[in-house]
Amino acid sequence: METGRHESFKQTLEGEYAFRIDRGANPPLDTYNAATRELQGIIQACLDDDKSLRAHGSLWSLSTVAVTDGRLIDNTALRLAFEVPQALADPAYSGDSAKLRFVECGNSVAALNDYLFAAGLSIKGCGSNNGQTIAGALSTGTHGGAYLFGAMQEMVVGLHLITGPDKHVYLERKSAPVMQSAFAESIDTEFIRDDTLFNAALVNFGSFGIIHGIMIETRALFALNAARFRFPYGDTLKAAITACDPMLIPLPPEASGISRDNPYHFEVFFNPNEGTPPAEAIVLLMYETHYDPDTYVAPEWNAGEPGLGASGLDIMGALVGRIPTPLNKLAVPLLNSQVNQEFAPYFRTAIIRDLFRGEKTLGKTLACGVGMPVSRAVEAMEIAFGIYKESNSVLPLILSHRFVKGTKALLGFTRFDTTAVMEMDAVNTPETRAFFNRVWEALDAAGIPFTLHWGKYNSFLTPERVRERYGDAAVDQWLTSRETLLESAAVRRIFNNDFTVSVGLAN
């Protein structure tokens, strides 16, 4: 029995493969290539036994996107990371080859942060937490809030996919060459450059075989001036949301002196138990600034509490066990005081590694991410407020908007040029699930185009709704790319699961 870390599902399965952590007995590249052969052997065993197969990371997803009733591969011990020989970079590569890194799928975001920090480098964007594996995060479209950069998959420029017992490929975009064919030869694989195949495989939630290695672009270490504060929910904030322009929001006095030349992160939280709408929102803004290793001091953080970049889900996790169940209106003041305590205002300067910490939620929490055009964000939030008011119930619930640059991934849920992600974070109860469903139905009835985060609660999705939201062309290209990359129909079958069947993505 497999249970997600947020206890949002339980799945019976036959068994699980696991790797030992490499202790350096062999050269790293030899160890990497040996793991490729073992992964191919696992695929062959599942073909021989007619068993479905999935790879998993940190069990972070709240949906059943990555589960199977057959066999799982625990890839969390596959943690190698490589500097890329600059001589193997393609002369046409437009970036800085010294900042390329090739990382194995089981690296967590936290481990990757530590690895890069030692080299004076940083990832370009991060979700609100760092516990996911890098492969799991990009495969489900983990989005964060870097609204001028994009979701985590935007830093990926190459993928090593194990696509059958006798086939594996290194994949790049043809329009953005990165490595020479000699790099693919070093990992004994076929080299393919194709924009459509790459954009299909980038967000594939485990359906394109096993992601073994990931080529990422990093950047020099930088710091973020982060300010979290309360701000009236009125015309100014609504205008900032609609335009995705945090510059319209004045900073509080204690943060008014910071440079706002390089905005980075924009997030707005609402506690509907303070009102529908509440009089104030909680705003989290971050601006890039210079990182000075000689003067930088990491902010203190209690590892048992939500970090400075905490999401609504982190807050809900912190409240599980501290609020009465079931809730009633008499408990609202207590609930609100707890939320205010966890969302206390602050002004800090920190690097990504220290801002977006490991979320400690282990209780029965539930989250949904609804992507939409930024121009409809205020309207969508007002709809959610109205539904909550009409329900006449009390739910531990945080509503928020995060803003993310759109993606080229065919099935990336951040598909709008600037995507406003309306987050609904709560304790997992039948009442919560009913509320989420009523919001989805109301958004649909209002004609607001929206997508749903693949790794969060998304039971609204059907084959028809997936095609309606992404378009027939994108879905058909994704399915055709899957046929092209996976070795055979039999391999495609073992990498299907109930989720992909239910949403029409299991050719």
Protein backbone atom coordinates (compact mmCIF):
# COMPACT_ATOMS: atom_id res chain seq x y z
CA MET A 1 0.00 0.00 0.00
CA GLU A 2 1.43 3.35 -1.07
CA THR A 3 0.23 6.55 0.60
CA GLY A 4 1.08 10.04 -0.62
CA ARG A 5 2.82 12.26 1.91
CA HIS A 6 -0.31 14.41 2.19
CA GLU A 7 -2.55 11.34 2.69
CA SER A 8 -4.72 12.43 -0.23
CA PHE A 9 -4.81 8.90 -1.68
CA LYS A 10 -3.93 5.29 -0.95
CA GLN A 11 -2.91 2.89 -3.69
CA THR A 12 -2.46 -0.87 -3.54
CA LEU A 13 0.47 -2.05 -5.67
CA GLU A 14 2.37 -5.24 -6.29
CA GLY A 15 5.81 -4.07 -5.24
CA GLU A 16 8.62 -1.58 -5.52
CA TYR A 17 12.14 -1.45 -6.91
CA ALA A 18 14.74 0.56 -5.02
CA PHE A 19 18.36 1.54 -5.64
CA ARG A 20 21.21 1.79 -3.20
CA ILE A 21 22.79 5.22 -2.85
CA ASP A 22 26.01 5.34 -4.87
CA ARG A 23 29.04 5.45 -2.59
CA GLY A 24 31.56 6.32 -5.29
CA ALA A 25 33.10 2.90 -5.86
CA ASN A 26 33.10 3.50 -9.62
CA PRO A 27 33.51 6.59 -11.80
CA PRO A 28 30.24 8.57 -11.68
CA LEU A 29 29.54 8.28 -15.40
CA ASP A 30 29.99 4.49 -15.23
CA THR A 31 27.59 4.37 -12.29
CA TYR A 32 25.08 6.49 -14.22
CA ASN A 33 25.24 4.28 -17.30
CA ALA A 34 24.93 1.15 -15.15
CA ALA A 35 21.73 2.60 -13.65
CA THR A 36 20.39 3.14 -17.18
CA ARG A 37 20.89 -0.54 -17.92
CA GLU A 38 19.20 -1.53 -14.66
CA LEU A 39 16.22 0.72 -15.45
CA GLN A 40 15.95 -0.96 -18.84
CA GLY A 41 16.08 -4.34 -17.12
CA ILE A 42 13.19 -3.31 -14.86
CA ILE A 43 11.13 -2.33 -17.91
CA GLN A 44 11.88 -5.74 -19.48
CA ALA A 45 10.83 -7.55 -16.30
CA CYS A 46 7.52 -5.67 -16.24
CA LEU A 47 6.95 -6.49 -19.92
CA ASP A 48 7.67 -10.16 -19.24
CA ASP A 49 5.29 -10.23 -16.27
CA ASP A 50 2.68 -7.91 -17.88
CA LYS A 51 2.85 -5.44 -15.00
CA SER A 52 2.38 -1.68 -15.17
CA LEU A 53 5.27 0.52 -14.07
CA ARG A 54 5.86 4.02 -12.74
CA ALA A 55 8.81 5.85 -11.24
CA HIS A 56 8.23 7.99 -8.17
CA GLY A 57 10.15 10.59 -6.26
CA SER A 58 9.11 12.14 -2.96
CA LEU A 59 5.42 11.15 -3.19
CA TRP A 60 4.60 14.86 -3.23
CA SER A 61 1.61 14.77 -5.58
CA LEU A 62 -1.88 15.11 -4.19
CA SER A 63 -3.44 13.47 -7.24
CA THR A 64 -3.00 9.89 -8.46
CA VAL A 65 -1.06 11.11 -11.49
CA ALA A 66 2.04 9.07 -10.63
CA VAL A 67 0.62 5.92 -8.99
CA THR A 68 0.11 2.43 -10.35
CA ASP A 69 -1.42 -0.84 -9.23
CA GLY A 70 1.63 -2.64 -10.61
CA ARG A 71 5.22 -1.84 -9.72
CA LEU A 72 6.92 1.38 -8.65
CA ILE A 73 10.52 2.48 -8.92
CA ASP A 74 11.80 4.52 -5.99
CA ASN A 75 14.32 6.76 -7.72
CA THR A 76 15.32 8.86 -4.70
CA ALA A 77 18.76 7.18 -4.45
CA LEU A 78 19.67 8.22 -7.99
CA ARG A 79 21.37 11.46 -6.98
CA LEU A 80 24.39 11.98 -9.21
CA ALA A 81 25.06 15.44 -10.61
CA PHE A 82 27.64 16.40 -13.22
CA GLU A 83 29.40 19.45 -14.51
CA VAL A 84 29.15 19.40 -18.28
CA PRO A 85 32.44 19.44 -20.21
CA GLN A 86 32.28 22.74 -22.03
CA ALA A 87 33.97 21.16 -25.03
CA LEU A 88 30.84 19.04 -25.53
CA ALA A 89 28.52 22.04 -25.72
CA ASP A 90 27.21 22.89 -29.14
CA PRO A 91 28.87 26.00 -30.58
CA ALA A 92 25.37 27.29 -31.37
CA TYR A 93 24.31 27.11 -27.71
CA SER A 94 23.16 30.58 -26.75
CA GLY A 95 23.73 30.29 -23.00
CA ASP A 96 26.74 29.96 -20.72
CA SER A 97 27.91 26.35 -20.94
CA ALA A 98 29.77 26.76 -17.62
CA LYS A 99 26.38 26.99 -15.93
CA LEU A 100 24.94 23.79 -17.43
CA ARG A 101 24.48 20.84 -15.10
CA PHE A 102 23.33 17.28 -15.81
CA VAL A 103 21.47 15.89 -12.80
CA GLU A 104 20.03 12.49 -12.05
CA CYS A 105 16.30 12.15 -11.50
CA GLY A 106 16.32 11.36 -7.77
CA ASN A 107 17.92 14.62 -6.69
CA SER A 108 15.54 16.59 -4.52
CA VAL A 109 15.25 20.30 -5.09
CA ALA A 110 16.94 20.76 -1.70
CA ALA A 111 19.88 18.55 -2.70
CA LEU A 112 20.16 20.37 -6.00
CA ASN A 113 20.19 23.71 -4.18
CA ASP A 114 23.03 22.52 -1.95
CA TYR A 115 25.01 21.13 -4.88
CA LEU A 116 24.70 24.35 -6.87
CA PHE A 117 25.37 26.57 -3.84
CA ALA A 118 28.80 25.00 -3.46
CA ALA A 119 29.60 26.15 -7.00
CA GLY A 120 28.16 29.65 -6.54
CA LEU A 121 25.13 28.80 -8.66
CA SER A 122 21.35 28.74 -8.23
CA ILE A 123 18.32 27.26 -9.90
CA LYS A 124 16.27 29.82 -11.80
CA GLY A 125 12.90 29.04 -10.24
CA CYS A 126 11.43 26.94 -7.46
CA GLY A 127 8.09 25.80 -6.13
CA SER A 128 7.09 26.90 -2.65
CA ASN A 129 8.97 23.91 -1.22
CA ASN A 130 12.16 22.01 -1.88
CA GLY A 131 11.26 18.42 -1.00
CA GLN A 132 10.19 17.25 -4.47
CA THR A 133 12.55 15.36 -6.70
CA ILE A 134 13.56 17.40 -9.71
CA ALA A 135 12.04 14.84 -12.10
CA GLY A 136 8.73 14.78 -10.25
CA ALA A 137 8.57 18.56 -10.04
CA LEU A 138 9.07 19.20 -13.74
CA SER A 139 6.90 16.24 -14.82
CA THR A 140 3.82 17.66 -13.13
CA GLY A 141 4.52 21.31 -13.96
CA THR A 142 5.47 22.57 -10.47
CA HIS A 143 5.16 26.29 -10.99
CA GLY A 144 6.41 28.42 -8.12
CA GLY A 145 5.91 32.15 -8.52
CA ALA A 146 8.76 33.48 -10.68
CA TYR A 147 6.38 35.41 -12.84
CA LEU A 148 8.98 36.63 -15.36
CA PHE A 149 10.72 33.23 -15.64
CA GLY A 150 8.12 30.47 -15.47
CA ALA A 151 7.54 27.06 -13.94
CA MET A 152 10.38 24.72 -12.97
CA GLN A 153 10.43 22.93 -16.33
CA GLU A 154 11.59 26.15 -18.00
CA MET A 155 15.16 25.61 -16.77
CA VAL A 156 15.31 22.19 -18.49
CA VAL A 157 17.13 22.08 -21.85
CA GLY A 158 17.76 18.35 -22.21
CA LEU A 159 16.14 15.08 -21.14
CA HIS A 160 17.51 11.55 -20.96
CA LEU A 161 14.50 9.24 -21.24
CA ILE A 162 14.51 5.45 -20.77
CA THR A 163 11.83 4.50 -23.27
CA GLY A 164 12.09 0.72 -23.46
CA PRO A 165 14.30 -2.27 -22.64
CA ASP A 166 16.29 -1.63 -25.83
CA LYS A 167 15.76 2.10 -26.33
CA HIS A 168 16.70 5.30 -24.55
CA VAL A 169 17.16 8.80 -25.94
CA TYR A 170 18.72 12.15 -25.13
CA LEU A 171 16.29 14.82 -26.25
CA GLU A 172 16.66 18.55 -26.93
CA ARG A 173 14.77 21.20 -28.85
CA LYS A 174 15.96 21.60 -32.44
CA SER A 175 15.40 25.34 -32.14
CA ALA A 176 17.67 25.54 -29.07
CA PRO A 177 20.70 23.26 -29.45
CA VAL A 178 22.71 22.70 -26.28
CA MET A 179 25.03 19.70 -26.53
CA GLN A 180 26.94 17.98 -29.30
CA SER A 181 26.21 14.38 -30.20
CA ALA A 182 29.35 13.34 -28.29
CA PHE A 183 27.48 14.01 -25.05
CA ALA A 184 24.75 11.54 -26.00
CA GLU A 185 27.48 9.05 -26.93
CA SER A 186 28.97 9.41 -23.44
CA ILE A 187 25.72 8.08 -21.95
CA ASP A 188 25.37 5.48 -24.73
CA THR A 189 22.12 6.85 -26.07
CA GLU A 190 20.40 8.07 -29.22
CA PHE A 191 20.51 11.84 -29.80
CA ILE A 192 17.27 13.51 -30.93
CA ARG A 193 16.57 17.18 -31.55
CA ASP A 194 12.89 17.92 -32.05
CA ASP A 195 10.83 20.76 -30.59
CA THR A 196 7.53 18.90 -30.55
CA LEU A 197 8.95 15.77 -28.94
CA PHE A 198 10.78 17.83 -26.32
CA ASN A 199 7.76 20.00 -25.51
CA ALA A 200 5.64 16.85 -25.19
CA ALA A 201 8.07 15.03 -22.91
CA LEU A 202 8.73 18.01 -20.66
CA VAL A 203 5.47 17.65 -18.71
CA ASN A 204 4.53 13.98 -19.06
CA PHE A 205 3.78 12.84 -15.46
CA GLY A 206 5.66 9.56 -15.91
CA SER A 207 3.99 8.53 -19.19
CA PHE A 208 7.05 8.74 -21.47
CA GLY A 209 9.07 6.05 -19.73
CA ILE A 210 11.59 6.94 -17.03
CA ILE A 211 13.32 10.32 -16.86
CA HIS A 212 16.85 9.36 -15.83
CA GLY A 213 18.88 12.52 -16.45
CA ILE A 214 18.00 16.20 -16.81
CA MET A 215 20.13 18.93 -18.36
CA ILE A 216 19.39 22.23 -16.65
CA GLU A 217 20.46 25.81 -17.08
CA THR A 218 21.47 27.47 -13.82
CA ARG A 219 22.45 31.04 -13.00
CA ALA A 220 24.86 32.80 -10.68
CA LEU A 221 23.73 32.96 -7.08
CA PHE A 222 21.41 35.86 -6.40
CA ALA A 223 19.48 37.04 -3.37
CA LEU A 224 15.86 38.06 -3.01
CA ASN A 225 14.46 40.87 -0.90
CA ALA A 226 11.20 39.34 0.31
CA ALA A 227 8.39 41.23 1.98
CA ARG A 228 5.17 39.72 3.33
CA PHE A 229 2.57 42.19 4.56
CA ARG A 230 -1.13 42.94 4.72
CA PHE A 231 -2.68 45.18 2.10
CA PRO A 232 -6.30 46.32 1.56
CA TYR A 233 -8.31 44.27 -0.88
CA GLY A 234 -9.51 47.09 -3.09
CA ASP A 235 -9.00 48.71 -6.46
CA THR A 236 -5.22 49.01 -6.17
CA LEU A 237 -4.68 45.34 -5.40
CA LYS A 238 -7.21 44.25 -8.02
CA ALA A 239 -5.42 46.34 -10.64
CA ALA A 240 -2.07 44.82 -9.67
CA ILE A 241 -3.52 41.31 -9.97
CA THR A 242 -5.20 41.97 -13.33
CA ALA A 243 -2.05 43.50 -14.81
CA CYS A 244 0.30 41.09 -12.99
CA ASP A 245 2.20 44.16 -11.88
CA PRO A 246 3.47 44.13 -8.28
CA MET A 247 4.93 47.59 -8.83
CA LEU A 248 1.41 48.97 -8.34
CA ILE A 249 1.50 47.86 -4.69
CA PRO A 250 3.38 50.19 -2.33
CA LEU A 251 5.72 48.46 0.09
CA PRO A 252 5.33 48.87 3.85
CA PRO A 253 7.65 51.41 5.54
CA GLU A 254 10.15 48.82 6.77
CA ALA A 255 10.72 47.62 3.18
CA SER A 256 10.27 50.89 1.30
CA GLY A 257 13.99 51.42 0.80
CA ILE A 258 14.70 48.29 -1.22
CA SER A 259 15.35 48.37 -4.94
CA ARG A 260 12.38 47.32 -7.05
CA ASP A 261 14.24 47.26 -10.35
CA ASN A 262 14.11 43.46 -10.68
CA PRO A 263 10.78 42.03 -9.51
CA TYR A 264 10.79 38.23 -9.17
CA HIS A 265 7.88 36.76 -7.19
CA PHE A 266 4.27 37.93 -6.80
CA GLU A 267 1.74 36.13 -4.60
CA VAL A 268 -1.49 37.17 -2.89
CA PHE A 269 -3.23 35.18 -0.12
CA PHE A 270 -6.79 35.45 1.18
CA ASN A 271 -8.35 33.99 4.30
CA PRO A 272 -12.07 33.66 3.45
CA ASN A 273 -12.88 33.15 7.13
CA GLU A 274 -12.08 36.86 7.59
CA GLY A 275 -14.77 37.77 5.06
CA THR A 276 -15.91 37.03 1.52
CA PRO A 277 -14.12 39.04 0.40
CA PRO A 278 -11.85 39.84 3.34
CA ALA A 279 -10.94 43.46 3.97
CA GLU A 280 -7.24 42.68 3.54
CA ALA A 281 -5.04 40.27 1.64
CA ILE A 282 -1.60 38.95 2.57
CA VAL A 283 0.87 39.95 -0.14
CA LEU A 284 4.26 38.31 -0.72
CA LEU A 285 6.64 40.18 -3.03
CA MET A 286 10.25 39.36 -3.88
CA TYR A 287 12.82 41.44 -5.75
CA GLU A 288 16.21 40.30 -7.02
CA THR A 289 19.30 41.79 -5.41
CA HIS A 290 23.04 41.16 -5.37
CA TYR A 291 24.36 38.16 -3.43
CA ASP A 292 27.46 38.93 -1.38
CA PRO A 293 28.99 35.76 0.09
CA ASP A 294 31.04 37.79 2.56
CA THR A 295 28.07 39.44 4.22
CA TYR A 296 25.18 37.04 3.58
CA VAL A 297 23.59 35.47 6.65
CA ALA A 298 20.88 32.88 6.11
CA PRO A 299 17.66 33.70 8.00
CA GLU A 300 16.88 31.48 10.95
CA TRP A 301 14.24 28.85 10.32
CA ASN A 302 12.57 26.37 12.63
CA ALA A 303 12.45 23.20 10.56
CA GLY A 304 9.17 22.22 12.19
CA GLU A 305 7.37 25.33 10.89
CA PRO A 306 6.50 26.70 7.45
CA GLY A 307 9.35 28.55 5.80
CA LEU A 308 9.44 32.15 4.62
CA GLY A 309 8.17 31.13 1.19
CA ALA A 310 5.33 29.08 2.68
CA SER A 311 2.28 28.34 0.56
CA GLY A 312 -1.28 28.02 1.77
CA LEU A 313 -0.78 24.25 1.94
CA ASP A 314 2.14 24.72 4.33
CA ILE A 315 -0.08 26.81 6.56
CA MET A 316 -2.84 24.20 6.49
CA GLY A 317 -0.31 21.53 7.38
CA ALA A 318 0.87 23.58 10.34
CA LEU A 319 -2.71 23.93 11.57
CA VAL A 320 -3.66 20.25 11.39
CA GLY A 321 -4.06 19.12 14.98
CA ARG A 322 -4.19 22.68 16.35
CA ILE A 323 -7.76 23.51 15.38
CA PRO A 324 -10.97 21.78 16.53
CA THR A 325 -12.71 19.26 14.28
CA PRO A 326 -15.35 19.66 13.07
CA LEU A 327 -15.16 23.44 12.85
CA ASN A 328 -18.05 25.75 13.58
CA LYS A 329 -18.46 29.52 13.61
CA LEU A 330 -17.47 29.71 17.28
CA ALA A 331 -14.01 28.46 16.29
CA VAL A 332 -13.45 31.09 13.58
CA PRO A 333 -11.57 33.57 15.83
CA LEU A 334 -9.19 30.79 16.89
CA LEU A 335 -8.70 29.65 13.29
CA ASN A 336 -8.02 33.20 12.12
CA SER A 337 -5.54 33.87 14.91
CA GLN A 338 -3.64 30.72 13.96
CA VAL A 339 -3.55 31.71 10.29
CA ASN A 340 -2.36 35.21 11.20
CA GLN A 341 0.37 33.75 13.37
CA GLU A 342 1.65 31.55 10.52
CA PHE A 343 1.33 34.38 7.98
CA ALA A 344 3.04 37.00 10.14
CA PRO A 345 4.51 39.96 8.23
CA TYR A 346 8.25 39.93 7.57
CA PHE A 347 11.02 41.54 5.54
CA ARG A 348 14.02 39.31 4.83
CA THR A 349 16.85 38.99 2.35
CA ALA A 350 17.70 35.42 1.39
CA ILE A 351 18.65 33.15 -1.49
CA ILE A 352 16.23 30.62 -3.02
CA ARG A 353 17.90 27.84 -1.02
CA ASP A 354 16.90 29.54 2.24
CA LEU A 355 13.53 31.02 1.25
CA PHE A 356 11.76 27.97 -0.15
CA ARG A 357 12.26 25.36 2.52
CA GLY A 358 11.03 21.80 3.00
CA GLU A 359 7.33 21.70 3.74
CA LYS A 360 6.61 19.51 6.77
CA THR A 361 2.94 18.78 6.08
CA LEU A 362 2.13 15.15 6.79
CA GLY A 363 -1.54 15.38 7.71
CA LYS A 364 -4.65 15.08 5.59
CA THR A 365 -4.36 18.21 3.51
CA LEU A 366 -5.64 18.94 0.04
CA ALA A 367 -4.65 21.47 -2.60
CA CYS A 368 -5.78 22.46 -6.06
CA GLY A 369 -4.01 24.73 -8.55
CA VAL A 370 -6.24 26.38 -11.15
CA GLY A 371 -4.39 28.05 -14.03
CA MET A 372 -6.13 30.86 -15.93
CA PRO A 373 -5.44 34.02 -17.90
CA VAL A 374 -4.33 36.76 -15.54
CA SER A 375 -7.08 39.01 -16.89
CA ARG A 376 -9.72 36.71 -15.33
CA ALA A 377 -8.00 36.22 -11.97
CA VAL A 378 -10.00 38.73 -9.91
CA GLU A 379 -13.27 37.48 -11.37
CA ALA A 380 -12.35 33.88 -10.50
CA MET A 381 -11.41 34.77 -6.93
CA GLU A 382 -14.70 36.67 -6.48
CA ILE A 383 -16.54 33.55 -7.67
CA ALA A 384 -14.71 31.46 -5.07
CA PHE A 385 -15.58 34.00 -2.36
CA GLY A 386 -19.25 33.85 -3.35
CA ILE A 387 -19.38 30.06 -3.26
CA TYR A 388 -17.74 29.98 0.15
CA LYS A 389 -20.22 32.52 1.48
CA GLU A 390 -23.17 30.57 0.09
CA SER A 391 -21.92 27.33 1.65
CA ASN A 392 -22.49 28.82 5.13
CA SER A 393 -19.80 26.50 6.45
CA VAL A 394 -16.41 26.92 8.09
CA LEU A 395 -13.46 25.31 6.36
CA PRO A 396 -9.76 25.61 7.18
CA LEU A 397 -9.04 27.21 3.80
CA ILE A 398 -6.56 29.57 2.18
CA LEU A 399 -7.16 30.99 -1.29
CA SER A 400 -4.32 32.60 -3.20
CA HIS A 401 -3.00 33.72 -6.56
CA ARG A 402 0.50 33.02 -7.84
CA PHE A 403 1.66 34.39 -11.18
CA VAL A 404 3.85 32.49 -13.64
CA LYS A 405 5.14 33.07 -17.14
CA GLY A 406 3.57 30.69 -19.67
CA THR A 407 5.23 27.46 -20.80
CA LYS A 408 5.99 25.84 -24.16
CA ALA A 409 5.29 22.37 -22.73
CA LEU A 410 2.37 20.94 -24.68
CA LEU A 411 0.49 19.89 -21.55
CA GLY A 412 2.01 22.34 -19.10
CA PHE A 413 -0.89 23.68 -17.08
CA THR A 414 0.73 27.14 -16.96
CA ARG A 415 -0.20 27.47 -20.62
CA PHE A 416 -1.43 31.08 -20.70
CA ASP A 417 1.05 33.83 -21.64
CA THR A 418 0.96 34.97 -18.04
CA THR A 419 -0.80 32.36 -15.94
CA ALA A 420 -2.55 33.29 -12.71
CA VAL A 421 -2.68 30.16 -10.57
CA MET A 422 -5.55 30.26 -8.13
CA GLU A 423 -4.53 28.00 -5.28
CA MET A 424 -7.12 26.45 -3.00
CA ASP A 425 -5.40 24.92 0.04
CA ALA A 426 -7.31 23.19 2.82
CA VAL A 427 -7.66 20.26 5.16
CA ASN A 428 -8.90 17.21 3.23
CA THR A 429 -12.56 16.62 4.09
CA PRO A 430 -15.68 15.78 2.05
CA GLU A 431 -16.76 19.41 2.53
CA THR A 432 -13.46 20.67 1.09
CA ARG A 433 -13.72 18.44 -1.96
CA ALA A 434 -17.30 19.57 -2.52
CA PHE A 435 -16.19 23.22 -2.33
CA PHE A 436 -13.44 22.65 -4.90
CA ASN A 437 -15.90 20.98 -7.24
CA ARG A 438 -18.41 23.82 -6.93
CA VAL A 439 -15.68 26.35 -7.77
CA TRP A 440 -14.65 24.38 -10.87
CA GLU A 441 -18.25 24.16 -12.05
CA ALA A 442 -18.81 27.87 -11.47
CA LEU A 443 -15.64 28.88 -13.31
CA ASP A 444 -16.72 26.70 -16.21
CA ALA A 445 -20.19 28.24 -16.22
CA ALA A 446 -18.66 31.73 -16.23
CA GLY A 447 -16.66 30.91 -19.35
CA ILE A 448 -13.29 31.34 -17.64
CA PRO A 449 -10.74 29.14 -19.44
CA PHE A 450 -8.75 27.18 -16.90
CA THR A 451 -6.42 24.24 -16.45
CA LEU A 452 -5.67 22.17 -13.35
CA HIS A 453 -2.30 21.35 -11.80
CA TRP A 454 -1.55 17.74 -12.74
CA GLY A 455 -0.01 16.95 -9.34
CA LYS A 456 -2.80 18.40 -7.23
CA TYR A 457 -6.46 17.54 -6.70
CA ASN A 458 -8.02 17.56 -10.17
CA SER A 459 -10.96 15.14 -10.27
CA PHE A 460 -12.79 17.58 -12.58
CA LEU A 461 -10.66 16.43 -15.52
CA THR A 462 -12.11 14.18 -18.22
CA PRO A 463 -10.87 13.40 -21.75
CA GLU A 464 -13.26 16.01 -23.15
CA ARG A 465 -12.20 18.66 -20.66
CA VAL A 466 -8.50 18.01 -21.25
CA ARG A 467 -8.97 18.50 -24.99
CA GLU A 468 -11.14 21.56 -24.44
CA ARG A 469 -8.47 23.18 -22.27
CA TYR A 470 -5.33 22.28 -24.23
CA GLY A 471 -6.74 21.95 -27.72
CA ASP A 472 -6.92 18.89 -29.97
CA ALA A 473 -3.65 19.79 -31.69
CA ALA A 474 -1.61 19.83 -28.45
CA VAL A 475 -3.19 16.63 -27.10
CA ASP A 476 -2.73 14.80 -30.41
CA GLN A 477 0.90 15.94 -30.67
CA TRP A 478 1.52 14.75 -27.11
CA LEU A 479 0.01 11.33 -27.85
CA THR A 480 1.86 11.02 -31.17
CA SER A 481 5.13 11.98 -29.47
CA ARG A 482 4.54 9.28 -26.91
CA GLU A 483 4.12 6.73 -29.70
CA THR A 484 7.30 7.99 -31.36
CA LEU A 485 9.49 7.91 -28.26
CA LEU A 486 8.34 4.78 -26.46
CA GLU A 487 9.77 1.61 -27.92
CA SER A 488 6.55 -0.30 -28.57
CA ALA A 489 2.83 -0.49 -27.89
CA ALA A 490 3.61 -2.94 -25.09
CA VAL A 491 5.90 -0.39 -23.42
CA ARG A 492 3.25 2.31 -23.80
CA ARG A 493 0.78 0.00 -22.08
CA ILE A 494 2.93 -0.60 -19.00
CA PHE A 495 3.44 3.16 -18.56
CA ASN A 496 -0.31 3.83 -18.56
CA ASN A 497 -2.18 4.12 -15.29
CA ASP A 498 -5.76 4.70 -14.18
CA PHE A 499 -5.22 8.46 -14.14
CA THR A 500 -3.97 8.74 -17.72
CA VAL A 501 -6.75 6.44 -18.90
CA SER A 502 -9.35 8.57 -17.10
CA VAL A 503 -8.18 11.78 -18.81
CA GLY A 504 -7.71 10.33 -22.28
CA LEU A 505 -3.90 10.32 -22.32
CA ALA A 506 -3.21 6.58 -22.57
CA ASN A 507 -2.74 5.71 -26.25
